[in-house]
PDB file of N, CA and C in Angstrom:
ATOM      1  N   MET A   1      98.235 226.436-166.069  1.00  0.00           N
ATOM      2  CA  MET A   1      98.149 225.013-165.784  1.00  0.00           C
ATOM      3  C   MET A   1      98.658 224.242-166.984  1.00  0.00           C
ATOM      4  N   LYS A   2      99.470 223.284-166.707  1.00  0.00           N
ATOM      5  CA  LYS A   2     100.001 222.423-167.758  1.00  0.00           C
ATOM      6  C   LYS A   2      98.904 221.522-168.312  1.00  0.00           C
ATOM      7  N   ASP A   3      99.190 220.918-169.428  1.00  0.00           N
ATOM      8  CA  ASP A   3      98.277 219.978-170.057  1.00  0.00           C
ATOM      9  C   ASP A   3      98.082 218.771-169.132  1.00  0.00           C
ATOM     10  N   LEU A   4      96.838 218.384-168.909  1.00  0.00           N
ATOM     11  CA  LEU A   4      96.541 217.263-168.008  1.00  0.00           C
ATOM     12  C   LEU A   4      97.113 215.939-168.509  1.00  0.00           C
ATOM     13  N   THR A   5      97.386 215.822-169.789  1.00  0.00           N
ATOM     14  CA  THR A   5      97.900 214.550-170.306  1.00  0.00           C
ATOM     15  C   THR A   5      99.268 214.228-169.719  1.00  0.00           C
ATOM     16  N   VAL A   6     100.043 215.244-169.335  1.00  0.00           N
ATOM     17  CA  VAL A   6     101.334 215.003-168.691  1.00  0.00           C
ATOM     18  C   VAL A   6     101.120 214.299-167.355  1.00  0.00           C
ATOM     19  N   ILE A   7     100.172 214.793-166.575  1.00  0.00           N
ATOM     20  CA  ILE A   7      99.868 214.194-165.270  1.00  0.00           C
ATOM     21  C   ILE A   7      99.250 212.808-165.457  1.00  0.00           C
ATOM     22  N   ALA A   8      98.409 212.656-166.457  1.00  0.00           N
ATOM     23  CA  ALA A   8      97.746 211.372-166.701  1.00  0.00           C
ATOM     24  C   ALA A   8      98.733 210.278-167.086  1.00  0.00           C
ATOM     25  N   LYS A   9      99.918 210.644-167.534  1.00  0.00           N
ATOM     26  CA  LYS A   9     100.928 209.653-167.922  1.00  0.00           C
ATOM     27  C   LYS A   9     101.665 209.055-166.737  1.00  0.00           C
ATOM     28  N   PHE A  10     101.513 209.642-165.545  1.00  0.00           N
ATOM     29  CA  PHE A  10     102.124 209.028-164.361  1.00  0.00           C
ATOM     30  C   PHE A  10     101.506 207.646-164.190  1.00  0.00           C
ATOM     31  N   PRO A  11     102.292 206.607-163.949  1.00  0.00           N
ATOM     32  CA  PRO A  11     101.732 205.256-163.865  1.00  0.00           C
ATOM     33  C   PRO A  11     100.724 205.060-162.732  1.00  0.00           C
ATOM     34  N   GLU A  12     100.789 205.873-161.698  1.00  0.00           N
ATOM     35  CA  GLU A  12      99.882 205.747-160.558  1.00  0.00           C
ATOM     36  C   GLU A  12      98.541 206.420-160.795  1.00  0.00           C
ATOM     37  N   VAL A  13      98.478 207.310-161.762  1.00  0.00           N
ATOM     38  CA  VAL A  13      97.298 208.148-161.983  1.00  0.00           C
ATOM     39  C   VAL A  13      96.272 207.425-162.851  1.00  0.00           C
ATOM     40  N   VAL A  14      95.014 207.453-162.398  1.00  0.00           N
ATOM     41  CA  VAL A  14      93.916 206.859-163.176  1.00  0.00           C
ATOM     42  C   VAL A  14      93.045 207.925-163.830  1.00  0.00           C
ATOM     43  N   GLY A  15      93.199 209.187-163.421  1.00  0.00           N
ATOM     44  CA  GLY A  15      92.437 210.269-164.022  1.00  0.00           C
ATOM     45  C   GLY A  15      92.757 211.591-163.363  1.00  0.00           C
ATOM     46  N   ALA A  16      92.396 212.677-164.054  1.00  0.00           N
ATOM     47  CA  ALA A  16      92.604 214.011-163.505  1.00  0.00           C
ATOM     48  C   ALA A  16      91.490 214.923-164.008  1.00  0.00           C
ATOM     49  N   VAL A  17      91.104 215.871-163.168  1.00  0.00           N
ATOM     50  CA  VAL A  17      90.025 216.798-163.488  1.00  0.00           C
ATOM     51  C   VAL A  17      90.474 218.209-163.115  1.00  0.00           C
ATOM     52  N   LEU A  18      90.287 219.140-164.032  1.00  0.00           N
ATOM     53  CA  LEU A  18      90.596 220.541-163.796  1.00  0.00           C
ATOM     54  C   LEU A  18      89.303 221.341-163.881  1.00  0.00           C
ATOM     55  N   SER A  19      89.059 222.183-162.879  1.00  0.00           N
ATOM     56  CA  SER A  19      87.841 223.003-162.867  1.00  0.00           C
ATOM     57  C   SER A  19      88.175 224.385-162.336  1.00  0.00           C
ATOM     58  N   ASP A  20      87.236 225.309-162.509  1.00  0.00           N
ATOM     59  CA  ASP A  20      87.430 226.614-161.889  1.00  0.00           C
ATOM     60  C   ASP A  20      86.933 226.535-160.443  1.00  0.00           C
ATOM     61  N   LEU A  21      87.117 227.601-159.705  1.00  0.00           N
ATOM     62  CA  LEU A  21      86.760 227.593-158.280  1.00  0.00           C
ATOM     63  C   LEU A  21      85.266 227.442-158.032  1.00  0.00           C
ATOM     64  N   SER A  22      84.439 227.738-159.044  1.00  0.00           N
ATOM     65  CA  SER A  22      82.994 227.576-158.882  1.00  0.00           C
ATOM     66  C   SER A  22      82.537 226.152-159.208  1.00  0.00           C
ATOM     67  N   GLY A  23      83.433 225.318-159.723  1.00  0.00           N
ATOM     68  CA  GLY A  23      83.089 223.929-160.028  1.00  0.00           C
ATOM     69  C   GLY A  23      82.827 223.639-161.487  1.00  0.00           C
ATOM     70  N   ALA A  24      82.991 224.627-162.361  1.00  0.00           N
ATOM     71  CA  ALA A  24      82.781 224.399-163.795  1.00  0.00           C
ATOM     72  C   ALA A  24      83.965 223.624-164.374  1.00  0.00           C
ATOM     73  N   LEU A  25      83.667 222.583-165.101  1.00  0.00           N
ATOM     74  CA  LEU A  25      84.686 221.729-165.693  1.00  0.00           C
ATOM     75  C   LEU A  25      85.477 222.478-166.751  1.00  0.00           C
ATOM     76  N   ILE A  26      86.802 222.383-166.664  1.00  0.00           N
ATOM     77  CA  ILE A  26      87.689 222.945-167.681  1.00  0.00           C
ATOM     78  C   ILE A  26      88.241 221.827-168.558  1.00  0.00           C
ATOM     79  N   ASP A  27      88.705 220.742-167.924  1.00  0.00           N
ATOM     80  CA  ASP A  27      89.286 219.625-168.671  1.00  0.00           C
ATOM     81  C   ASP A  27      89.300 218.395-167.773  1.00  0.00           C
ATOM     82  N   SER A  28      89.263 217.230-168.390  1.00  0.00           N
ATOM     83  CA  SER A  28      89.413 215.983-167.636  1.00  0.00           C
ATOM     84  C   SER A  28      90.033 214.927-168.530  1.00  0.00           C
ATOM     85  N   VAL A  29      90.754 214.007-167.910  1.00  0.00           N
ATOM     86  CA  VAL A  29      91.360 212.879-168.612  1.00  0.00           C
ATOM     87  C   VAL A  29      91.199 211.638-167.742  1.00  0.00           C
ATOM     88  N   GLY A  30      91.196 210.499-168.382  1.00  0.00           N
ATOM     89  CA  GLY A  30      91.146 209.244-167.646  1.00  0.00           C
ATOM     90  C   GLY A  30      89.740 208.787-167.321  1.00  0.00           C
ATOM     91  N   ASN A  31      89.674 207.834-166.417  1.00  0.00           N
ATOM     92  CA  ASN A  31      88.435 207.165-166.053  1.00  0.00           C
ATOM     93  C   ASN A  31      87.758 207.867-164.872  1.00  0.00           C
ATOM     94  N   VAL A  32      87.307 209.116-165.113  1.00  0.00           N
ATOM     95  CA  VAL A  32      86.672 209.928-164.075  1.00  0.00           C
ATOM     96  C   VAL A  32      85.523 210.704-164.712  1.00  0.00           C
ATOM     97  N   ASP A  33      84.398 210.815-164.003  1.00  0.00           N
ATOM     98  CA  ASP A  33      83.296 211.647-164.458  1.00  0.00           C
ATOM     99  C   ASP A  33      83.664 213.097-164.146  1.00  0.00           C
ATOM    100  N   GLY A  34      84.198 213.787-165.141  1.00  0.00           N
ATOM    101  CA  GLY A  34      84.727 215.132-164.942  1.00  0.00           C
ATOM    102  C   GLY A  34      83.711 216.131-164.443  1.00  0.00           C
ATOM    103  N   GLU A  35      82.487 216.093-164.973  1.00  0.00           N
ATOM    104  CA  GLU A  35      81.446 217.042-164.559  1.00  0.00           C
ATOM    105  C   GLU A  35      81.125 216.909-163.072  1.00  0.00           C
ATOM    106  N   ALA A  36      80.899 215.688-162.628  1.00  0.00           N
ATOM    107  CA  ALA A  36      80.560 215.467-161.216  1.00  0.00           C
ATOM    108  C   ALA A  36      81.758 215.758-160.317  1.00  0.00           C
ATOM    109  N   ALA A  37      82.925 215.283-160.730  1.00  0.00           N
ATOM    110  CA  ALA A  37      84.118 215.455-159.904  1.00  0.00           C
ATOM    111  C   ALA A  37      84.486 216.924-159.744  1.00  0.00           C
ATOM    112  N   SER A  38      84.361 217.712-160.805  1.00  0.00           N
ATOM    113  CA  SER A  38      84.743 219.123-160.702  1.00  0.00           C
ATOM    114  C   SER A  38      83.881 219.854-159.681  1.00  0.00           C
ATOM    115  N   ALA A  39      82.608 219.565-159.653  1.00  0.00           N
ATOM    116  CA  ALA A  39      81.717 220.200-158.669  1.00  0.00           C
ATOM    117  C   ALA A  39      82.079 219.769-157.246  1.00  0.00           C
ATOM    118  N   VAL A  40      82.333 218.491-157.058  1.00  0.00           N
ATOM    119  CA  VAL A  40      82.680 217.983-155.723  1.00  0.00           C
ATOM    120  C   VAL A  40      84.026 218.534-155.271  1.00  0.00           C
ATOM    121  N   HIS A  41      85.009 218.580-156.174  1.00  0.00           N
ATOM    122  CA  HIS A  41      86.332 219.107-155.806  1.00  0.00           C
ATOM    123  C   HIS A  41      86.227 220.552-155.331  1.00  0.00           C
ATOM    124  N   SER A  42      85.506 221.381-156.081  1.00  0.00           N
ATOM    125  CA  SER A  42      85.394 222.791-155.726  1.00  0.00           C
ATOM    126  C   SER A  42      84.655 222.986-154.406  1.00  0.00           C
ATOM    127  N   PHE A  43      83.561 222.258-154.217  1.00  0.00           N
ATOM    128  CA  PHE A  43      82.819 222.358-152.956  1.00  0.00           C
ATOM    129  C   PHE A  43      83.704 221.920-151.792  1.00  0.00           C
ATOM    130  N   SER A  44      84.397 220.798-151.956  1.00  0.00           N
ATOM    131  CA  SER A  44      85.275 220.282-150.896  1.00  0.00           C
ATOM    132  C   SER A  44      86.398 221.262-150.597  1.00  0.00           C
ATOM    133  N   LEU A  45      86.984 221.805-151.646  1.00  0.00           N
ATOM    134  CA  LEU A  45      88.075 222.747-151.473  1.00  0.00           C
ATOM    135  C   LEU A  45      87.626 223.973-150.694  1.00  0.00           C
ATOM    136  N   ASN A  46      86.477 224.523-151.043  1.00  0.00           N
ATOM    137  CA  ASN A  46      85.983 225.699-150.329  1.00  0.00           C
ATOM    138  C   ASN A  46      85.695 225.396-148.864  1.00  0.00           C
ATOM    139  N   SER A  47      85.153 224.223-148.588  1.00  0.00           N
ATOM    140  CA  SER A  47      84.904 223.826-147.195  1.00  0.00           C
ATOM    141  C   SER A  47      86.211 223.644-146.437  1.00  0.00           C
ATOM    142  N   LEU A  48      87.183 223.019-147.076  1.00  0.00           N
ATOM    143  CA  LEU A  48      88.484 222.809-146.424  1.00  0.00           C
ATOM    144  C   LEU A  48      89.228 224.128-146.216  1.00  0.00           C
ATOM    145  N   ARG A  49      89.076 225.054-147.142  1.00  0.00           N
ATOM    146  CA  ARG A  49      89.692 226.374-146.972  1.00  0.00           C
ATOM    147  C   ARG A  49      89.096 227.082-145.755  1.00  0.00           C
ATOM    148  N   GLN A  50      87.780 226.995-145.594  1.00  0.00           N
ATOM    149  CA  GLN A  50      87.129 227.617-144.437  1.00  0.00           C
ATOM    150  C   GLN A  50      87.602 226.964-143.141  1.00  0.00           C
ATOM    151  N   ALA A  51      87.691 225.637-143.139  1.00  0.00           N
ATOM    152  CA  ALA A  51      88.160 224.932-141.941  1.00  0.00           C
ATOM    153  C   ALA A  51      89.605 225.320-141.638  1.00  0.00           C
ATOM    154  N   GLY A  52      90.431 225.403-142.658  1.00  0.00           N
ATOM    155  CA  GLY A  52      91.823 225.806-142.471  1.00  0.00           C
ATOM    156  C   GLY A  52      91.942 227.212-141.910  1.00  0.00           C
ATOM    157  N   ASP A  53      91.100 228.117-142.401  1.00  0.00           N
ATOM    158  CA  ASP A  53      91.101 229.484-141.878  1.00  0.00           C
ATOM    159  C   ASP A  53      90.714 229.499-140.398  1.00  0.00           C
ATOM    160  N   LEU A  54      89.673 228.752-140.041  1.00  0.00           N
ATOM    161  CA  LEU A  54      89.229 228.703-138.645  1.00  0.00           C
ATOM    162  C   LEU A  54      90.287 228.090-137.730  1.00  0.00           C
ATOM    163  N   LEU A  55      91.046 227.142-138.271  1.00  0.00           N
ATOM    164  CA  LEU A  55      92.093 226.486-137.484  1.00  0.00           C
ATOM    165  C   LEU A  55      93.420 227.233-137.519  1.00  0.00           C
ATOM    166  N   GLY A  56      93.490 228.279-138.316  1.00  0.00           N
ATOM    167  CA  GLY A  56      94.718 229.051-138.412  1.00  0.00           C
ATOM    168  C   GLY A  56      95.827 228.338-139.173  1.00  0.00           C
ATOM    169  N   LEU A  57      95.459 227.502-140.140  1.00  0.00           N
ATOM    170  CA  LEU A  57      96.458 226.723-140.870  1.00  0.00           C
ATOM    171  C   LEU A  57      97.117 227.496-142.008  1.00  0.00           C
ATOM    172  N   GLY A  58      96.557 228.617-142.383  1.00  0.00           N
ATOM    173  CA  GLY A  58      97.120 229.389-143.485  1.00  0.00           C
ATOM    174  C   GLY A  58      96.482 229.007-144.805  1.00  0.00           C
ATOM    175  N   THR A  59      97.129 229.381-145.886  1.00  0.00           N
ATOM    176  CA  THR A  59      96.608 229.180-147.224  1.00  0.00           C
ATOM    177  C   THR A  59      96.551 227.696-147.578  1.00  0.00           C
ATOM    178  N   PHE A  60      95.420 227.284-148.153  1.00  0.00           N
ATOM    179  CA  PHE A  60      95.255 225.897-148.589  1.00  0.00           C
ATOM    180  C   PHE A  60      96.273 225.575-149.676  1.00  0.00           C
ATOM    181  N   GLN A  61      96.912 224.402-149.559  1.00  0.00           N
ATOM    182  CA  GLN A  61      97.841 223.946-150.586  1.00  0.00           C
ATOM    183  C   GLN A  61      97.313 222.708-151.291  1.00  0.00           C
ATOM    184  N   ARG A  62      97.018 221.665-150.530  1.00  0.00           N
ATOM    185  CA  ARG A  62      96.484 220.440-151.123  1.00  0.00           C
ATOM    186  C   ARG A  62      95.944 219.544-150.019  1.00  0.00           C
ATOM    187  N   CYS A  63      95.102 218.604-150.436  1.00  0.00           N
ATOM    188  CA  CYS A  63      94.626 217.572-149.516  1.00  0.00           C
ATOM    189  C   CYS A  63      94.614 216.251-150.273  1.00  0.00           C
ATOM    190  N   SER A  64      94.668 215.183-149.526  1.00  0.00           N
ATOM    191  CA  SER A  64      94.586 213.840-150.099  1.00  0.00           C
ATOM    192  C   SER A  64      93.466 213.100-149.402  1.00  0.00           C
ATOM    193  N   ILE A  65      92.633 212.437-150.203  1.00  0.00           N
ATOM    194  CA  ILE A  65      91.512 211.669-149.679  1.00  0.00           C
ATOM    195  C   ILE A  65      91.657 210.256-150.227  1.00  0.00           C
ATOM    196  N   VAL A  66      91.626 209.273-149.328  1.00  0.00           N
ATOM    197  CA  VAL A  66      91.858 207.891-149.747  1.00  0.00           C
ATOM    198  C   VAL A  66      90.635 207.047-149.419  1.00  0.00           C
ATOM    199  N   GLY A  67      90.180 206.294-150.398  1.00  0.00           N
ATOM    200  CA  GLY A  67      89.088 205.347-150.231  1.00  0.00           C
ATOM    201  C   GLY A  67      89.559 203.968-150.650  1.00  0.00           C
ATOM    202  N   PRO A  68      88.680 202.978-150.581  1.00  0.00           N
ATOM    203  CA  PRO A  68      89.108 201.615-150.900  1.00  0.00           C
ATOM    204  C   PRO A  68      89.479 201.410-152.373  1.00  0.00           C
ATOM    205  N   GLY A  69      88.888 202.177-153.288  1.00  0.00           N
ATOM    206  CA  GLY A  69      89.144 201.951-154.709  1.00  0.00           C
ATOM    207  C   GLY A  69      89.991 203.002-155.393  1.00  0.00           C
ATOM    208  N   LYS A  70      90.037 204.195-154.827  1.00  0.00           N
ATOM    209  CA  LYS A  70      90.798 205.301-155.412  1.00  0.00           C
ATOM    210  C   LYS A  70      91.267 206.232-154.311  1.00  0.00           C
ATOM    211  N   ALA A  71      92.262 207.002-154.653  1.00  0.00           N
ATOM    212  CA  ALA A  71      92.704 208.100-153.802  1.00  0.00           C
ATOM    213  C   ALA A  71      92.670 209.347-154.674  1.00  0.00           C
ATOM    214  N   CYS A  72      92.498 210.505-154.052  1.00  0.00           N
ATOM    215  CA  CYS A  72      92.429 211.749-154.816  1.00  0.00           C
ATOM    216  C   CYS A  72      93.248 212.825-154.110  1.00  0.00           C
ATOM    217  N   VAL A  73      94.068 213.499-154.882  1.00  0.00           N
ATOM    218  CA  VAL A  73      94.819 214.650-154.396  1.00  0.00           C
ATOM    219  C   VAL A  73      94.171 215.882-155.018  1.00  0.00           C
ATOM    220  N   ILE A  74      93.742 216.816-154.188  1.00  0.00           N
ATOM    221  CA  ILE A  74      93.110 218.049-154.656  1.00  0.00           C
ATOM    222  C   ILE A  74      94.038 219.209-154.318  1.00  0.00           C
ATOM    223  N   THR A  75      94.298 220.040-155.305  1.00  0.00           N
ATOM    224  CA  THR A  75      95.179 221.184-155.126  1.00  0.00           C
ATOM    225  C   THR A  75      94.654 222.377-155.920  1.00  0.00           C
ATOM    226  N   ILE A  76      95.129 223.558-155.559  1.00  0.00           N
ATOM    227  CA  ILE A  76      94.815 224.765-156.334  1.00  0.00           C
ATOM    228  C   ILE A  76      96.037 225.073-157.177  1.00  0.00           C
ATOM    229  N   GLU A  77      95.814 225.282-158.462  1.00  0.00           N
ATOM    230  CA  GLU A  77      96.910 225.582-159.383  1.00  0.00           C
ATOM    231  C   GLU A  77      96.485 226.695-160.317  1.00  0.00           C
ATOM    232  N   ASP A  78      97.166 227.833-160.250  1.00  0.00           N
ATOM    233  CA  ASP A  78      96.870 228.985-161.108  1.00  0.00           C
ATOM    234  C   ASP A  78      95.393 229.390-161.050  1.00  0.00           C
ATOM    235  N   GLY A  79      94.810 229.398-159.859  1.00  0.00           N
ATOM    236  CA  GLY A  79      93.422 229.803-159.695  1.00  0.00           C
ATOM    237  C   GLY A  79      92.406 228.761-160.122  1.00  0.00           C
ATOM    238  N   ALA A  80      92.852 227.550-160.410  1.00  0.00           N
ATOM    239  CA  ALA A  80      91.954 226.458-160.794  1.00  0.00           C
ATOM    240  C   ALA A  80      92.107 225.316-159.792  1.00  0.00           C
ATOM    241  N   VAL A  81      91.104 224.457-159.752  1.00  0.00           N
ATOM    242  CA  VAL A  81      91.106 223.309-158.851  1.00  0.00           C
ATOM    243  C   VAL A  81      91.511 222.080-159.655  1.00  0.00           C
ATOM    244  N   LEU A  82      92.533 221.391-159.183  1.00  0.00           N
ATOM    245  CA  LEU A  82      93.022 220.186-159.845  1.00  0.00           C
ATOM    246  C   LEU A  82      92.799 218.992-158.934  1.00  0.00           C
ATOM    247  N   GLY A  83      92.076 217.998-159.422  1.00  0.00           N
ATOM    248  CA  GLY A  83      91.877 216.746-158.695  1.00  0.00           C
ATOM    249  C   GLY A  83      92.546 215.633-159.471  1.00  0.00           C
ATOM    250  N   VAL A  84      93.470 214.934-158.832  1.00  0.00           N
ATOM    251  CA  VAL A  84      94.208 213.850-159.478  1.00  0.00           C
ATOM    252  C   VAL A  84      93.864 212.553-158.767  1.00  0.00           C
ATOM    253  N   TYR A  85      93.294 211.612-159.519  1.00  0.00           N
ATOM    254  CA  TYR A  85      92.898 210.321-158.966  1.00  0.00           C
ATOM    255  C   TYR A  85      94.031 209.328-159.134  1.00  0.00           C
ATOM    256  N   VAL A  86      94.291 208.592-158.044  1.00  0.00           N
ATOM    257  CA  VAL A  86      95.461 207.733-157.961  1.00  0.00           C
ATOM    258  C   VAL A  86      95.048 206.340-157.495  1.00  0.00           C
ATOM    259  N   ASP A  87      95.767 205.343-157.955  1.00  0.00           N
ATOM    260  CA  ASP A  87      95.607 203.978-157.463  1.00  0.00           C
ATOM    261  C   ASP A  87      95.987 203.970-155.980  1.00  0.00           C
ATOM    262  N   PRO A  88      95.069 203.609-155.061  1.00  0.00           N
ATOM    263  CA  PRO A  88      95.363 203.712-153.631  1.00  0.00           C
ATOM    264  C   PRO A  88      96.418 202.709-153.142  1.00  0.00           C
ATOM    265  N   SER A  89      96.778 201.736-153.962  1.00  0.00           N
ATOM    266  CA  SER A  89      97.817 200.799-153.552  1.00  0.00           C
ATOM    267  C   SER A  89      99.223 201.373-153.761  1.00  0.00           C
ATOM    268  N   LYS A  90      99.304 202.516-154.431  1.00  0.00           N
ATOM    269  CA  LYS A  90     100.592 203.171-154.682  1.00  0.00           C
ATOM    270  C   LYS A  90     100.893 204.160-153.554  1.00  0.00           C
ATOM    271  N   PRO A  91     102.184 204.404-153.282  1.00  0.00           N
ATOM    272  CA  PRO A  91     102.534 205.353-152.216  1.00  0.00           C
ATOM    273  C   PRO A  91     102.093 206.776-152.579  1.00  0.00           C
ATOM    274  N   LEU A  92     101.193 207.324-151.798  1.00  0.00           N
ATOM    275  CA  LEU A  92     100.600 208.625-152.097  1.00  0.00           C
ATOM    276  C   LEU A  92     101.614 209.763-151.987  1.00  0.00           C
ATOM    277  N   ALA A  93     102.532 209.686-151.043  1.00  0.00           N
ATOM    278  CA  ALA A  93     103.527 210.754-150.883  1.00  0.00           C
ATOM    279  C   ALA A  93     104.384 210.894-152.140  1.00  0.00           C
ATOM    280  N   ALA A  94     104.717 209.789-152.770  1.00  0.00           N
ATOM    281  CA  ALA A  94     105.518 209.839-153.998  1.00  0.00           C
ATOM    282  C   ALA A  94     104.736 210.503-155.125  1.00  0.00           C
ATOM    283  N   VAL A  95     103.458 210.216-155.210  1.00  0.00           N
ATOM    284  CA  VAL A  95     102.613 210.822-156.239  1.00  0.00           C
ATOM    285  C   VAL A  95     102.478 212.324-155.981  1.00  0.00           C
ATOM    286  N   GLU A  96     102.274 212.711-154.727  1.00  0.00           N
ATOM    287  CA  GLU A  96     102.174 214.128-154.396  1.00  0.00           C
ATOM    288  C   GLU A  96     103.451 214.868-154.788  1.00  0.00           C
ATOM    289  N   LYS A  97     104.602 214.264-154.547  1.00  0.00           N
ATOM    290  CA  LYS A  97     105.885 214.873-154.893  1.00  0.00           C
ATOM    291  C   LYS A  97     106.019 215.022-156.405  1.00  0.00           C
ATOM    292  N   LYS A  98     105.688 213.977-157.165  1.00  0.00           N
ATOM    293  CA  LYS A  98     105.750 214.049-158.621  1.00  0.00           C
ATOM    294  C   LYS A  98     104.808 215.122-159.156  1.00  0.00           C
ATOM    295  N   LEU A  99     103.635 215.197-158.572  1.00  0.00           N
ATOM    296  CA  LEU A  99     102.648 216.191-158.978  1.00  0.00           C
ATOM    297  C   LEU A  99     103.170 217.600-158.708  1.00  0.00           C
ATOM    298  N   GLN A 100     103.690 217.818-157.513  1.00  0.00           N
ATOM    299  CA  GLN A 100     104.222 219.123-157.158  1.00  0.00           C
ATOM    300  C   GLN A 100     105.367 219.513-158.097  1.00  0.00           C
ATOM    301  N   ASP A 101     106.274 218.581-158.361  1.00  0.00           N
ATOM    302  CA  ASP A 101     107.409 218.868-159.244  1.00  0.00           C
ATOM    303  C   ASP A 101     106.942 219.200-160.659  1.00  0.00           C
ATOM    304  N   SER A 102     105.957 218.476-161.167  1.00  0.00           N
ATOM    305  CA  SER A 102     105.503 218.720-162.536  1.00  0.00           C
ATOM    306  C   SER A 102     104.742 220.042-162.651  1.00  0.00           C
ATOM    307  N   LEU A 103     104.044 220.455-161.603  1.00  0.00           N
ATOM    308  CA  LEU A 103     103.288 221.707-161.647  1.00  0.00           C
ATOM    309  C   LEU A 103     104.192 222.920-161.515  1.00  0.00           C
ATOM    310  N   GLN A 104     105.368 222.750-160.914  1.00  0.00           N
ATOM    311  CA  GLN A 104     106.274 223.880-160.742  1.00  0.00           C
ATOM    312  C   GLN A 104     107.098 224.177-161.992  1.00  0.00           C
ATOM    313  N   LYS A 105     107.092 223.273-162.964  1.00  0.00           N
ATOM    314  CA  LYS A 105     107.876 223.479-164.196  1.00  0.00           C
ATOM    315  C   LYS A 105     107.219 224.437-165.111  1.00  0.00           C
TER     316      LYS A 105
END
């Protein structure tokens, strides 16, 4: 996993949290409670993986959750859970593309 500060420099990003699959915090940047977010990301990811398996969707790649004040993109990267918080007024598809491109480098 790349350094989170690279992702945090995207103008749309307000914070990022990296955790292991059990929810233990590895790193966080920005205006996010990393401890709480890492646990929620991992729990959500495991639930979504189970739902995807039941629906026959294949391997989990990422999900986006949008609320009135923030949006969050959750993905698995190198066996870790990455949650990236985004300004919801920004186009989410563009942020997902930038995130995907930066993680593949």
